[in-house]
């Protein structure tokens, strides 16, 4: 089995949460402990080892801040 890697451009994330709802593994969430430079809570992957590389999060992101590598 391959390992997928999901990364976020935290500086561009608007914290809309669409990626959180799109993730079938429920491993994404908005980081309520910090704000990015624009004043939003950016999305983070809480369990990267569970990422299956489906790219649903990246497809849903309206600002293209998510990259999924397989």
C-alpha atoms as a PDB file:
ATOM      1  CA  UNK A   1       0.000   0.000   0.000  1.00  0.00           C
ATOM      2  CA  UNK A   2       1.256   3.467  -0.854  1.00  0.00           C
ATOM      3  CA  UNK A   3       1.472   6.427   1.493  1.00  0.00           C
ATOM      4  CA  UNK A   4      -0.328   9.601   0.507  1.00  0.00           C
ATOM      5  CA  UNK A   5       0.719  13.033   1.702  1.00  0.00           C
ATOM      6  CA  UNK A   6      -1.630  15.984   1.995  1.00  0.00           C
ATOM      7  CA  UNK A   7      -0.234  19.509   2.420  1.00  0.00           C
ATOM      8  CA  UNK A   8      -1.919  22.869   2.853  1.00  0.00           C
ATOM      9  CA  UNK A   9      -0.893  26.408   1.930  1.00  0.00           C
ATOM     10  CA  UNK A  10      -1.804  27.739   5.377  1.00  0.00           C
ATOM     11  CA  UNK A  11      -1.247  31.337   4.300  1.00  0.00           C
ATOM     12  CA  UNK A  12      -4.016  31.067   1.656  1.00  0.00           C
ATOM     13  CA  UNK A  13      -6.552  28.935   3.550  1.00  0.00           C
ATOM     14  CA  UNK A  14      -9.814  30.752   4.370  1.00  0.00           C
ATOM     15  CA  UNK A  15     -10.997  28.136   6.839  1.00  0.00           C
ATOM     16  CA  UNK A  16     -14.203  27.357   4.943  1.00  0.00           C
ATOM     17  CA  UNK A  17     -14.143  23.711   6.071  1.00  0.00           C
ATOM     18  CA  UNK A  18     -15.218  22.215   2.736  1.00  0.00           C
ATOM     19  CA  UNK A  19     -12.222  19.880   2.807  1.00  0.00           C
ATOM     20  CA  UNK A  20     -13.147  18.726   6.314  1.00  0.00           C
ATOM     21  CA  UNK A  21     -16.603  17.650   5.127  1.00  0.00           C
ATOM     22  CA  UNK A  22     -15.241  16.056   1.931  1.00  0.00           C
ATOM     23  CA  UNK A  23     -12.711  13.780   3.643  1.00  0.00           C
ATOM     24  CA  UNK A  24     -14.049  10.193   3.799  1.00  0.00           C
ATOM     25  CA  UNK A  25     -11.510   9.265   6.495  1.00  0.00           C
ATOM     26  CA  UNK A  26     -12.432  12.289   8.683  1.00  0.00           C
ATOM     27  CA  UNK A  27      -8.772  13.170   9.289  1.00  0.00           C
ATOM     28  CA  UNK A  28      -9.015  16.877   8.448  1.00  0.00           C
ATOM     29  CA  UNK A  29     -10.080  19.655  10.776  1.00  0.00           C
ATOM     30  CA  UNK A  30      -9.745  23.389  11.225  1.00  0.00           C
ATOM     31  CA  UNK A  31      -6.920  24.264  13.611  1.00  0.00           C
ATOM     32  CA  UNK A  32      -8.738  26.301  16.267  1.00  0.00           C
ATOM     33  CA  UNK A  33      -5.484  26.844  18.182  1.00  0.00           C
ATOM     34  CA  UNK A  34      -4.012  29.269  15.645  1.00  0.00           C
ATOM     35  CA  UNK A  35      -4.800  31.831  12.969  1.00  0.00           C
ATOM     36  CA  UNK A  36      -3.046  32.375   9.663  1.00  0.00           C
ATOM     37  CA  UNK A  37      -1.945  35.807   8.418  1.00  0.00           C
ATOM     38  CA  UNK A  38      -5.431  36.467   7.032  1.00  0.00           C
ATOM     39  CA  UNK A  39      -7.063  35.765  10.394  1.00  0.00           C
ATOM     40  CA  UNK A  40      -8.580  32.361   9.569  1.00  0.00           C
ATOM     41  CA  UNK A  41      -8.230  28.983  11.252  1.00  0.00           C
ATOM     42  CA  UNK A  42      -6.379  26.903   8.618  1.00  0.00           C
ATOM     43  CA  UNK A  43      -7.164  23.275   7.839  1.00  0.00           C
ATOM     44  CA  UNK A  44      -4.789  20.564   9.052  1.00  0.00           C
ATOM     45  CA  UNK A  45      -4.484  16.815   8.687  1.00  0.00           C
ATOM     46  CA  UNK A  46      -4.745  15.244  12.134  1.00  0.00           C
ATOM     47  CA  UNK A  47      -3.725  11.722  11.111  1.00  0.00           C
ATOM     48  CA  UNK A  48      -1.574  11.770   7.945  1.00  0.00           C
ATOM     49  CA  UNK A  49      -0.912   8.015   8.122  1.00  0.00           C
ATOM     50  CA  UNK A  50      -4.609   7.390   7.459  1.00  0.00           C
ATOM     51  CA  UNK A  51      -4.754   9.481   4.267  1.00  0.00           C
ATOM     52  CA  UNK A  52      -5.783   7.337   1.294  1.00  0.00           C
ATOM     53  CA  UNK A  53      -4.925   9.958  -1.341  1.00  0.00           C
ATOM     54  CA  UNK A  54      -8.453  10.245  -2.705  1.00  0.00           C
ATOM     55  CA  UNK A  55      -8.009  14.002  -3.432  1.00  0.00           C
ATOM     56  CA  UNK A  56     -11.613  14.777  -2.423  1.00  0.00           C
ATOM     57  CA  UNK A  57     -10.298  17.552  -0.160  1.00  0.00           C
ATOM     58  CA  UNK A  58      -8.250  19.175  -2.923  1.00  0.00           C
ATOM     59  CA  UNK A  59     -11.128  19.001  -5.412  1.00  0.00           C
ATOM     60  CA  UNK A  60     -13.506  20.713  -2.955  1.00  0.00           C
ATOM     61  CA  UNK A  61     -11.076  23.515  -2.013  1.00  0.00           C
ATOM     62  CA  UNK A  62     -12.232  26.713  -3.775  1.00  0.00           C
ATOM     63  CA  UNK A  63      -8.808  28.336  -3.366  1.00  0.00           C
ATOM     64  CA  UNK A  64      -6.600  25.394  -4.438  1.00  0.00           C
ATOM     65  CA  UNK A  65      -4.562  25.428  -1.231  1.00  0.00           C
ATOM     66  CA  UNK A  66      -4.413  21.626  -0.877  1.00  0.00           C
ATOM     67  CA  UNK A  67      -1.905  19.328  -2.564  1.00  0.00           C
ATOM     68  CA  UNK A  68      -2.203  15.558  -2.375  1.00  0.00           C
ATOM     69  CA  UNK A  69       0.811  13.446  -3.319  1.00  0.00           C
ATOM     70  CA  UNK A  70       0.517   9.732  -3.889  1.00  0.00           C
END
